[in-house]
Full PDB file with SEQRES, HELIX, SHEET, SSBOND, CRYST1, ORIGX, SCALE, CONECT and MASTER records, all heavy atoms in Angstrom:
SEQRES   1 A   38  ILE PHE TYR ALA ASP LEU THR ALA THR HIS TYR ARG THR          
SEQRES   2 A   38  ASP ILE SER GLN ASP SER LEU GLY VAL LEU ALA SER PHE          
SEQRES   3 A   38  GLY GLY ILE LEU GLY LEU PHE LEU GLY PHE SER ILE              
HELIX    1 AA1 SER A   19  PHE A   33  1                                  15    
CRYST1    1.000    1.000    1.000  90.00  90.00  90.00 P 1           1          
ORIGX1      1.000000  0.000000  0.000000        0.00000                         
ORIGX2      0.000000  1.000000  0.000000        0.00000                         
ORIGX3      0.000000  0.000000  1.000000        0.00000                         
SCALE1      1.000000  0.000000  0.000000        0.00000                         
SCALE2      0.000000  1.000000  0.000000        0.00000                         
SCALE3      0.000000  0.000000  1.000000        0.00000                         
ATOM      1  N   ILE A   1     -32.088  -0.966  42.739  1.00  0.00           N  
ATOM      2  CA  ILE A   1     -30.729  -1.182  43.230  1.00  0.00           C  
ATOM      3  C   ILE A   1     -30.455  -2.728  43.018  1.00  0.00           C  
ATOM      4  O   ILE A   1     -31.236  -3.559  43.396  1.00  0.00           O  
ATOM      5  CB  ILE A   1     -30.635  -0.868  44.711  1.00  0.00           C  
ATOM      6  CG1 ILE A   1     -30.952   0.586  44.917  1.00  0.00           C  
ATOM      7  CG2 ILE A   1     -29.260  -1.211  45.331  1.00  0.00           C  
ATOM      8  CD1 ILE A   1     -31.792   1.027  46.030  1.00  0.00           C  
ATOM      9  N   PHE A   2     -29.360  -3.006  42.403  1.00  0.00           N  
ATOM     10  CA  PHE A   2     -29.086  -4.381  41.968  1.00  0.00           C  
ATOM     11  C   PHE A   2     -27.631  -4.650  41.751  1.00  0.00           C  
ATOM     12  O   PHE A   2     -26.835  -3.637  41.546  1.00  0.00           O  
ATOM     13  CB  PHE A   2     -29.825  -4.661  40.714  1.00  0.00           C  
ATOM     14  CG  PHE A   2     -29.564  -3.688  39.534  1.00  0.00           C  
ATOM     15  CD1 PHE A   2     -28.560  -3.949  38.588  1.00  0.00           C  
ATOM     16  CD2 PHE A   2     -30.207  -2.505  39.510  1.00  0.00           C  
ATOM     17  CE1 PHE A   2     -28.271  -3.081  37.597  1.00  0.00           C  
ATOM     18  CE2 PHE A   2     -29.985  -1.509  38.410  1.00  0.00           C  
ATOM     19  CZ  PHE A   2     -28.936  -1.886  37.553  1.00  0.00           C  
ATOM     20  N   TYR A   3     -27.227  -5.893  41.717  1.00  0.00           N  
ATOM     21  CA  TYR A   3     -25.857  -6.195  41.324  1.00  0.00           C  
ATOM     22  C   TYR A   3     -25.691  -6.041  39.777  1.00  0.00           C  
ATOM     23  O   TYR A   3     -26.438  -6.534  38.971  1.00  0.00           O  
ATOM     24  CB  TYR A   3     -25.483  -7.645  41.788  1.00  0.00           C  
ATOM     25  CG  TYR A   3     -25.195  -7.793  43.204  1.00  0.00           C  
ATOM     26  CD1 TYR A   3     -25.433  -9.016  43.926  1.00  0.00           C  
ATOM     27  CD2 TYR A   3     -24.733  -6.768  43.974  1.00  0.00           C  
ATOM     28  CE1 TYR A   3     -25.228  -9.187  45.166  1.00  0.00           C  
ATOM     29  CE2 TYR A   3     -24.456  -6.842  45.271  1.00  0.00           C  
ATOM     30  CZ  TYR A   3     -24.646  -8.089  45.957  1.00  0.00           C  
ATOM     31  OH  TYR A   3     -24.415  -8.212  47.299  1.00  0.00           O  
ATOM     32  N   ALA A   4     -24.569  -5.437  39.415  1.00  0.00           N  
ATOM     33  CA  ALA A   4     -24.257  -5.317  38.012  1.00  0.00           C  
ATOM     34  C   ALA A   4     -23.719  -6.542  37.365  1.00  0.00           C  
ATOM     35  O   ALA A   4     -23.729  -6.665  36.131  1.00  0.00           O  
ATOM     36  CB  ALA A   4     -23.254  -4.075  37.767  1.00  0.00           C  
ATOM     37  N   ASP A   5     -23.197  -7.475  38.209  1.00  0.00           N  
ATOM     38  CA  ASP A   5     -22.508  -8.602  37.639  1.00  0.00           C  
ATOM     39  C   ASP A   5     -22.682  -9.771  38.560  1.00  0.00           C  
ATOM     40  O   ASP A   5     -23.068  -9.598  39.738  1.00  0.00           O  
ATOM     41  CB  ASP A   5     -21.011  -8.319  37.387  1.00  0.00           C  
ATOM     42  CG  ASP A   5     -20.372  -9.325  36.386  1.00  0.00           C  
ATOM     43  OD1 ASP A   5     -20.994 -10.239  35.993  1.00  0.00           O  
ATOM     44  OD2 ASP A   5     -19.262  -9.003  35.962  1.00  0.00           O  
ATOM     45  N   LEU A   6     -22.421 -10.999  38.065  1.00  0.00           N  
ATOM     46  CA  LEU A   6     -22.583 -12.245  38.869  1.00  0.00           C  
ATOM     47  C   LEU A   6     -21.324 -12.394  39.690  1.00  0.00           C  
ATOM     48  O   LEU A   6     -21.282 -13.303  40.576  1.00  0.00           O  
ATOM     49  CB  LEU A   6     -22.767 -13.441  38.042  1.00  0.00           C  
ATOM     50  CG  LEU A   6     -24.198 -13.451  37.382  1.00  0.00           C  
ATOM     51  CD1 LEU A   6     -24.264 -14.655  36.352  1.00  0.00           C  
ATOM     52  CD2 LEU A   6     -25.257 -13.621  38.396  1.00  0.00           C  
ATOM     53  N   THR A   7     -20.191 -11.681  39.446  1.00  0.00           N  
ATOM     54  CA  THR A   7     -18.957 -11.922  40.119  1.00  0.00           C  
ATOM     55  C   THR A   7     -18.484 -10.570  40.742  1.00  0.00           C  
ATOM     56  O   THR A   7     -18.832  -9.479  40.362  1.00  0.00           O  
ATOM     57  CB  THR A   7     -17.826 -12.422  39.154  1.00  0.00           C  
ATOM     58  OG1 THR A   7     -17.682 -11.392  38.152  1.00  0.00           O  
ATOM     59  CG2 THR A   7     -18.243 -13.752  38.520  1.00  0.00           C  
ATOM     60  N   ALA A   8     -17.671 -10.771  41.809  1.00  0.00           N  
ATOM     61  CA  ALA A   8     -17.099  -9.669  42.634  1.00  0.00           C  
ATOM     62  C   ALA A   8     -15.607  -9.779  42.740  1.00  0.00           C  
ATOM     63  O   ALA A   8     -15.077 -10.913  42.446  1.00  0.00           O  
ATOM     64  CB  ALA A   8     -17.778  -9.493  43.900  1.00  0.00           C  
ATOM     65  N   THR A   9     -14.965  -8.829  43.143  1.00  0.00           N  
ATOM     66  CA  THR A   9     -13.499  -8.900  43.445  1.00  0.00           C  
ATOM     67  C   THR A   9     -13.280  -9.299  44.960  1.00  0.00           C  
ATOM     68  O   THR A   9     -13.976  -8.698  45.807  1.00  0.00           O  
ATOM     69  CB  THR A   9     -12.817  -7.556  43.219  1.00  0.00           C  
ATOM     70  OG1 THR A   9     -13.104  -7.163  41.848  1.00  0.00           O  
ATOM     71  CG2 THR A   9     -11.354  -7.710  43.460  1.00  0.00           C  
ATOM     72  N   HIS A  10     -12.453 -10.332  45.114  1.00  0.00           N  
ATOM     73  CA  HIS A  10     -12.273 -10.872  46.494  1.00  0.00           C  
ATOM     74  C   HIS A  10     -10.820 -10.630  46.846  1.00  0.00           C  
ATOM     75  O   HIS A  10      -9.863 -11.017  46.120  1.00  0.00           O  
ATOM     76  CB  HIS A  10     -12.562 -12.376  46.440  1.00  0.00           C  
ATOM     77  CG  HIS A  10     -12.921 -12.875  47.845  1.00  0.00           C  
ATOM     78  ND1 HIS A  10     -12.602 -14.170  48.227  1.00  0.00           N  
ATOM     79  CD2 HIS A  10     -13.613 -12.313  48.847  1.00  0.00           C  
ATOM     80  CE1 HIS A  10     -13.084 -14.379  49.493  1.00  0.00           C  
ATOM     81  NE2 HIS A  10     -13.615 -13.230  49.897  1.00  0.00           N  
ATOM     82  N   TYR A  11     -10.590  -9.962  47.942  1.00  0.00           N  
ATOM     83  CA  TYR A  11      -9.218  -9.753  48.417  1.00  0.00           C  
ATOM     84  C   TYR A  11      -8.905 -10.550  49.591  1.00  0.00           C  
ATOM     85  O   TYR A  11      -9.758 -10.960  50.429  1.00  0.00           O  
ATOM     86  CB  TYR A  11      -9.056  -8.240  48.816  1.00  0.00           C  
ATOM     87  CG  TYR A  11      -9.219  -7.247  47.615  1.00  0.00           C  
ATOM     88  CD1 TYR A  11     -10.426  -6.523  47.448  1.00  0.00           C  
ATOM     89  CD2 TYR A  11      -8.227  -6.912  46.721  1.00  0.00           C  
ATOM     90  CE1 TYR A  11     -10.598  -5.699  46.422  1.00  0.00           C  
ATOM     91  CE2 TYR A  11      -8.349  -6.047  45.685  1.00  0.00           C  
ATOM     92  CZ  TYR A  11      -9.590  -5.502  45.501  1.00  0.00           C  
ATOM     93  OH  TYR A  11      -9.755  -4.649  44.527  1.00  0.00           O  
ATOM     94  N   ARG A  12      -7.595 -10.886  49.795  1.00  0.00           N  
ATOM     95  CA  ARG A  12      -7.141 -11.671  50.895  1.00  0.00           C  
ATOM     96  C   ARG A  12      -5.980 -10.889  51.640  1.00  0.00           C  
ATOM     97  O   ARG A  12      -5.057 -10.380  51.056  1.00  0.00           O  
ATOM     98  CB  ARG A  12      -6.504 -12.954  50.383  1.00  0.00           C  
ATOM     99  CG  ARG A  12      -6.032 -13.890  51.600  1.00  0.00           C  
ATOM    100  CD  ARG A  12      -5.405 -15.205  51.095  1.00  0.00           C  
ATOM    101  NE  ARG A  12      -4.082 -14.971  50.459  1.00  0.00           N  
ATOM    102  CZ  ARG A  12      -3.837 -15.102  49.197  1.00  0.00           C  
ATOM    103  NH1 ARG A  12      -4.829 -15.337  48.319  1.00  0.00           N  
ATOM    104  NH2 ARG A  12      -2.649 -14.830  48.632  1.00  0.00           N  
ATOM    105  N   THR A  13      -6.203 -10.774  52.946  1.00  0.00           N  
ATOM    106  CA  THR A  13      -5.166 -10.181  53.835  1.00  0.00           C  
ATOM    107  C   THR A  13      -4.379 -11.270  54.494  1.00  0.00           C  
ATOM    108  O   THR A  13      -4.875 -12.070  55.277  1.00  0.00           O  
ATOM    109  CB  THR A  13      -5.798  -9.228  54.875  1.00  0.00           C  
ATOM    110  OG1 THR A  13      -6.510  -8.153  54.249  1.00  0.00           O  
ATOM    111  CG2 THR A  13      -4.651  -8.622  55.776  1.00  0.00           C  
ATOM    112  N   ASP A  14      -3.090 -11.280  54.215  1.00  0.00           N  
ATOM    113  CA  ASP A  14      -2.230 -12.402  54.745  1.00  0.00           C  
ATOM    114  C   ASP A  14      -0.937 -11.717  55.268  1.00  0.00           C  
ATOM    115  O   ASP A  14      -0.597 -10.601  55.081  1.00  0.00           O  
ATOM    116  CB  ASP A  14      -1.894 -13.396  53.621  1.00  0.00           C  
ATOM    117  CG  ASP A  14      -1.586 -14.750  54.075  1.00  0.00           C  
ATOM    118  OD1 ASP A  14      -1.369 -14.930  55.400  1.00  0.00           O  
ATOM    119  OD2 ASP A  14      -1.561 -15.730  53.313  1.00  0.00           O  
ATOM    120  N   ILE A  15      -0.168 -12.593  56.022  1.00  0.00           N  
ATOM    121  CA  ILE A  15       1.183 -12.149  56.465  1.00  0.00           C  
ATOM    122  C   ILE A  15       1.995 -11.894  55.264  1.00  0.00           C  
ATOM    123  O   ILE A  15       1.993 -12.689  54.293  1.00  0.00           O  
ATOM    124  CB  ILE A  15       1.727 -13.149  57.454  1.00  0.00           C  
ATOM    125  CG1 ILE A  15       1.856 -14.513  56.865  1.00  0.00           C  
ATOM    126  CG2 ILE A  15       0.969 -13.136  58.773  1.00  0.00           C  
ATOM    127  CD1 ILE A  15       2.545 -15.541  57.681  1.00  0.00           C  
ATOM    128  N   SER A  16       2.837 -10.880  55.344  1.00  0.00           N  
ATOM    129  CA  SER A  16       3.672 -10.495  54.170  1.00  0.00           C  
ATOM    130  C   SER A  16       4.718 -11.490  53.907  1.00  0.00           C  
ATOM    131  O   SER A  16       5.035 -11.894  52.770  1.00  0.00           O  
ATOM    132  CB  SER A  16       4.233  -9.058  54.334  1.00  0.00           C  
ATOM    133  OG  SER A  16       5.017  -9.092  55.531  1.00  0.00           O  
ATOM    134  N   GLN A  17       5.360 -12.087  54.992  1.00  0.00           N  
ATOM    135  CA  GLN A  17       6.353 -13.090  54.891  1.00  0.00           C  
ATOM    136  C   GLN A  17       6.279 -14.047  56.094  1.00  0.00           C  
ATOM    137  O   GLN A  17       6.289 -13.594  57.224  1.00  0.00           O  
ATOM    138  CB  GLN A  17       7.767 -12.425  54.792  1.00  0.00           C  
ATOM    139  CG  GLN A  17       8.161 -11.939  53.442  1.00  0.00           C  
ATOM    140  CD  GLN A  17       9.591 -11.541  53.432  1.00  0.00           C  
ATOM    141  OE1 GLN A  17      10.153 -11.092  54.367  1.00  0.00           O  
ATOM    142  NE2 GLN A  17      10.250 -11.708  52.193  1.00  0.00           N  
ATOM    143  N   ASP A  18       6.273 -15.336  55.799  1.00  0.00           N  
ATOM    144  CA  ASP A  18       6.370 -16.281  56.908  1.00  0.00           C  
ATOM    145  C   ASP A  18       7.857 -16.655  57.077  1.00  0.00           C  
ATOM    146  O   ASP A  18       8.725 -16.067  56.406  1.00  0.00           O  
ATOM    147  CB  ASP A  18       5.501 -17.541  56.629  1.00  0.00           C  
ATOM    148  CG  ASP A  18       5.811 -18.203  55.283  1.00  0.00           C  
ATOM    149  OD1 ASP A  18       6.870 -17.706  54.663  1.00  0.00           O  
ATOM    150  OD2 ASP A  18       5.083 -19.099  54.856  1.00  0.00           O  
ATOM    151  N   SER A  19       8.096 -17.606  57.984  1.00  0.00           N  
ATOM    152  CA  SER A  19       9.498 -17.981  58.212  1.00  0.00           C  
ATOM    153  C   SER A  19      10.211 -18.463  57.001  1.00  0.00           C  
ATOM    154  O   SER A  19      11.389 -18.209  56.838  1.00  0.00           O  
ATOM    155  CB  SER A  19       9.556 -19.076  59.336  1.00  0.00           C  
ATOM    156  OG  SER A  19       8.740 -20.174  59.033  1.00  0.00           O  
ATOM    157  N   LEU A  20       9.535 -19.252  56.151  1.00  0.00           N  
ATOM    158  CA  LEU A  20      10.082 -19.785  54.893  1.00  0.00           C  
ATOM    159  C   LEU A  20      10.415 -18.588  53.991  1.00  0.00           C  
ATOM    160  O   LEU A  20      11.405 -18.613  53.283  1.00  0.00           O  
ATOM    161  CB  LEU A  20       9.112 -20.788  54.301  1.00  0.00           C  
ATOM    162  CG  LEU A  20       9.682 -21.477  53.061  1.00  0.00           C  
ATOM    163  CD1 LEU A  20      10.868 -22.352  53.447  1.00  0.00           C  
ATOM    164  CD2 LEU A  20       8.609 -22.480  52.512  1.00  0.00           C  
ATOM    165  N   GLY A  21       9.442 -17.614  53.921  1.00  0.00           N  
ATOM    166  CA  GLY A  21       9.709 -16.487  53.064  1.00  0.00           C  
ATOM    167  C   GLY A  21      10.882 -15.676  53.478  1.00  0.00           C  
ATOM    168  O   GLY A  21      11.691 -15.204  52.657  1.00  0.00           O  
ATOM    169  N   VAL A  22      10.996 -15.485  54.814  1.00  0.00           N  
ATOM    170  CA  VAL A  22      12.176 -14.715  55.349  1.00  0.00           C  
ATOM    171  C   VAL A  22      13.482 -15.457  54.980  1.00  0.00           C  
ATOM    172  O   VAL A  22      14.494 -14.818  54.595  1.00  0.00           O  
ATOM    173  CB  VAL A  22      12.021 -14.559  56.854  1.00  0.00           C  
ATOM    174  CG1 VAL A  22      13.329 -13.941  57.459  1.00  0.00           C  
ATOM    175  CG2 VAL A  22      10.896 -13.624  57.192  1.00  0.00           C  
ATOM    176  N   LEU A  23      13.440 -16.827  55.275  1.00  0.00           N  
ATOM    177  CA  LEU A  23      14.687 -17.542  54.830  1.00  0.00           C  
ATOM    178  C   LEU A  23      14.978 -17.492  53.363  1.00  0.00           C  
ATOM    179  O   LEU A  23      16.180 -17.289  53.018  1.00  0.00           O  
ATOM    180  CB  LEU A  23      14.406 -19.089  55.221  1.00  0.00           C  
ATOM    181  CG  LEU A  23      15.518 -20.049  54.895  1.00  0.00           C  
ATOM    182  CD1 LEU A  23      16.720 -19.635  55.772  1.00  0.00           C  
ATOM    183  CD2 LEU A  23      15.102 -21.499  55.186  1.00  0.00           C  
ATOM    184  N   ALA A  24      14.036 -17.493  52.545  1.00  0.00           N  
ATOM    185  CA  ALA A  24      14.266 -17.433  51.080  1.00  0.00           C  
ATOM    186  C   ALA A  24      14.807 -16.103  50.719  1.00  0.00           C  
ATOM    187  O   ALA A  24      15.705 -15.881  49.868  1.00  0.00           O  
ATOM    188  CB  ALA A  24      12.981 -17.762  50.350  1.00  0.00           C  
ATOM    189  N   SER A  25      14.200 -15.016  51.320  1.00  0.00           N  
ATOM    190  CA  SER A  25      14.677 -13.666  50.992  1.00  0.00           C  
ATOM    191  C   SER A  25      16.120 -13.444  51.489  1.00  0.00           C  
ATOM    192  O   SER A  25      16.900 -12.920  50.696  1.00  0.00           O  
ATOM    193  CB  SER A  25      13.758 -12.676  51.737  1.00  0.00           C  
ATOM    194  OG  SER A  25      14.177 -11.342  51.584  1.00  0.00           O  
ATOM    195  N   PHE A  26      16.390 -13.875  52.734  1.00  0.00           N  
ATOM    196  CA  PHE A  26      17.777 -13.678  53.195  1.00  0.00           C  
ATOM    197  C   PHE A  26      18.700 -14.527  52.410  1.00  0.00           C  
ATOM    198  O   PHE A  26      19.853 -14.075  52.087  1.00  0.00           O  
ATOM    199  CB  PHE A  26      17.869 -14.053  54.690  1.00  0.00           C  
ATOM    200  CG  PHE A  26      17.325 -12.984  55.546  1.00  0.00           C  
ATOM    201  CD1 PHE A  26      16.420 -12.000  55.104  1.00  0.00           C  
ATOM    202  CD2 PHE A  26      17.603 -12.945  56.978  1.00  0.00           C  
ATOM    203  CE1 PHE A  26      15.893 -11.068  55.969  1.00  0.00           C  
ATOM    204  CE2 PHE A  26      17.120 -11.982  57.788  1.00  0.00           C  
ATOM    205  CZ  PHE A  26      16.251 -11.030  57.279  1.00  0.00           C  
ATOM    206  N   GLY A  27      18.361 -15.781  52.109  1.00  0.00           N  
ATOM    207  CA  GLY A  27      19.250 -16.615  51.323  1.00  0.00           C  
ATOM    208  C   GLY A  27      19.501 -16.143  49.905  1.00  0.00           C  
ATOM    209  O   GLY A  27      20.606 -16.235  49.389  1.00  0.00           O  
ATOM    210  N   GLY A  28      18.470 -15.464  49.310  1.00  0.00           N  
ATOM    211  CA  GLY A  28      18.640 -14.912  47.985  1.00  0.00           C  
ATOM    212  C   GLY A  28      19.608 -13.769  47.982  1.00  0.00           C  
ATOM    213  O   GLY A  28      20.505 -13.654  47.122  1.00  0.00           O  
ATOM    214  N   ILE A  29      19.510 -12.898  49.020  1.00  0.00           N  
ATOM    215  CA  ILE A  29      20.372 -11.734  49.063  1.00  0.00           C  
ATOM    216  C   ILE A  29      21.801 -12.145  49.376  1.00  0.00           C  
ATOM    217  O   ILE A  29      22.825 -11.737  48.679  1.00  0.00           O  
ATOM    218  CB  ILE A  29      19.905 -10.771  50.231  1.00  0.00           C  
ATOM    219  CG1 ILE A  29      18.549 -10.124  49.861  1.00  0.00           C  
ATOM    220  CG2 ILE A  29      20.956  -9.675  50.501  1.00  0.00           C  
ATOM    221  CD1 ILE A  29      17.919  -9.336  50.856  1.00  0.00           C  
ATOM    222  N   LEU A  30      21.975 -13.057  50.346  1.00  0.00           N  
ATOM    223  CA  LEU A  30      23.362 -13.576  50.613  1.00  0.00           C  
ATOM    224  C   LEU A  30      23.966 -14.343  49.435  1.00  0.00           C  
ATOM    225  O   LEU A  30      25.142 -14.242  49.222  1.00  0.00           O  
ATOM    226  CB  LEU A  30      23.298 -14.419  51.933  1.00  0.00           C  
ATOM    227  CG  LEU A  30      23.009 -13.731  53.198  1.00  0.00           C  
ATOM    228  CD1 LEU A  30      22.784 -14.733  54.350  1.00  0.00           C  
ATOM    229  CD2 LEU A  30      24.051 -12.689  53.538  1.00  0.00           C  
ATOM    230  N   GLY A  31      23.121 -15.115  48.785  1.00  0.00           N  
ATOM    231  CA  GLY A  31      23.669 -15.826  47.695  1.00  0.00           C  
ATOM    232  C   GLY A  31      24.047 -15.015  46.454  1.00  0.00           C  
ATOM    233  O   GLY A  31      25.031 -15.178  45.804  1.00  0.00           O  
ATOM    234  N   LEU A  32      23.237 -13.903  46.238  1.00  0.00           N  
ATOM    235  CA  LEU A  32      23.520 -13.019  45.114  1.00  0.00           C  
ATOM    236  C   LEU A  32      24.800 -12.196  45.305  1.00  0.00           C  
ATOM    237  O   LEU A  32      25.591 -12.026  44.443  1.00  0.00           O  
ATOM    238  CB  LEU A  32      22.334 -12.086  44.950  1.00  0.00           C  
ATOM    239  CG  LEU A  32      22.430 -10.999  43.847  1.00  0.00           C  
ATOM    240  CD1 LEU A  32      22.560 -11.611  42.488  1.00  0.00           C  
ATOM    241  CD2 LEU A  32      21.322  -9.981  43.931  1.00  0.00           C  
ATOM    242  N   PHE A  33      24.943 -11.684  46.562  1.00  0.00           N  
ATOM    243  CA  PHE A  33      26.170 -10.807  46.756  1.00  0.00           C  
ATOM    244  C   PHE A  33      27.373 -11.534  47.270  1.00  0.00           C  
ATOM    245  O   PHE A  33      28.496 -11.053  47.028  1.00  0.00           O  
ATOM    246  CB  PHE A  33      25.745  -9.722  47.902  1.00  0.00           C  
ATOM    247  CG  PHE A  33      24.866  -8.643  47.270  1.00  0.00           C  
ATOM    248  CD1 PHE A  33      23.516  -8.761  47.316  1.00  0.00           C  
ATOM    249  CD2 PHE A  33      25.438  -7.488  46.742  1.00  0.00           C  
ATOM    250  CE1 PHE A  33      22.674  -7.825  46.806  1.00  0.00           C  
ATOM    251  CE2 PHE A  33      24.676  -6.482  46.271  1.00  0.00           C  
ATOM    252  CZ  PHE A  33      23.211  -6.688  46.265  1.00  0.00           C  
ATOM    253  N   LEU A  34      27.237 -12.684  47.996  1.00  0.00           N  
ATOM    254  CA  LEU A  34      28.409 -13.295  48.571  1.00  0.00           C  
ATOM    255  C   LEU A  34      28.599 -14.732  48.176  1.00  0.00           C  
ATOM    256  O   LEU A  34      29.633 -15.352  48.468  1.00  0.00           O  
ATOM    257  CB  LEU A  34      28.295 -13.228  50.131  1.00  0.00           C  
ATOM    258  CG  LEU A  34      28.154 -11.890  50.765  1.00  0.00           C  
ATOM    259  CD1 LEU A  34      27.885 -11.947  52.223  1.00  0.00           C  
ATOM    260  CD2 LEU A  34      29.399 -11.005  50.421  1.00  0.00           C  
ATOM    261  N   GLY A  35      27.550 -15.342  47.625  1.00  0.00           N  
ATOM    262  CA  GLY A  35      27.669 -16.809  47.298  1.00  0.00           C  
ATOM    263  C   GLY A  35      27.497 -17.643  48.540  1.00  0.00           C  
ATOM    264  O   GLY A  35      27.983 -18.707  48.599  1.00  0.00           O  
ATOM    265  N   PHE A  36      26.797 -17.130  49.515  1.00  0.00           N  
ATOM    266  CA  PHE A  36      26.699 -17.811  50.854  1.00  0.00           C  
ATOM    267  C   PHE A  36      25.645 -18.852  50.748  1.00  0.00           C  
ATOM    268  O   PHE A  36      24.594 -18.714  50.083  1.00  0.00           O  
ATOM    269  CB  PHE A  36      26.288 -16.773  51.945  1.00  0.00           C  
ATOM    270  CG  PHE A  36      26.410 -17.348  53.299  1.00  0.00           C  
ATOM    271  CD1 PHE A  36      27.479 -17.389  54.014  1.00  0.00           C  
ATOM    272  CD2 PHE A  36      25.163 -17.845  53.868  1.00  0.00           C  
ATOM    273  CE1 PHE A  36      27.488 -17.881  55.361  1.00  0.00           C  
ATOM    274  CE2 PHE A  36      25.239 -18.390  55.158  1.00  0.00           C  
ATOM    275  CZ  PHE A  36      26.399 -18.415  55.868  1.00  0.00           C  
ATOM    276  N   SER A  37      25.870 -20.018  51.462  1.00  0.00           N  
ATOM    277  CA  SER A  37      24.916 -21.083  51.523  1.00  0.00           C  
ATOM    278  C   SER A  37      25.041 -21.726  52.927  1.00  0.00           C  
ATOM    279  O   SER A  37      25.932 -21.401  53.688  1.00  0.00           O  
ATOM    280  CB  SER A  37      25.151 -22.135  50.406  1.00  0.00           C  
ATOM    281  OG  SER A  37      26.396 -22.754  50.658  1.00  0.00           O  
ATOM    282  N   ILE A  38      24.187 -22.715  53.113  1.00  0.00           N  
ATOM    283  CA  ILE A  38      24.208 -23.413  54.428  1.00  0.00           C  
ATOM    284  C   ILE A  38      25.524 -24.146  54.564  1.00  0.00           C  
ATOM    285  O   ILE A  38      26.179 -24.147  55.634  1.00  0.00           O  
ATOM    286  CB  ILE A  38      23.023 -24.416  54.516  1.00  0.00           C  
ATOM    287  CG1 ILE A  38      21.697 -23.654  54.457  1.00  0.00           C  
ATOM    288  CG2 ILE A  38      23.159 -25.201  55.751  1.00  0.00           C  
ATOM    289  CD1 ILE A  38      21.449 -22.729  55.595  1.00  0.00           C  
TER     290      ILE A  38                                                      
MASTER        0    0    0    1    0    0    0    6  289    1    0    3          
END                                                                             
């Protein structure tokens, strides 16, 4: 029983969207459809 390779696959579990991501997502949608900005 042994490792087949010197490397492995490493996964990261993170929050899907932080506050900056939500702001960018909402801003992108509003800008695309309405041209809305601050």
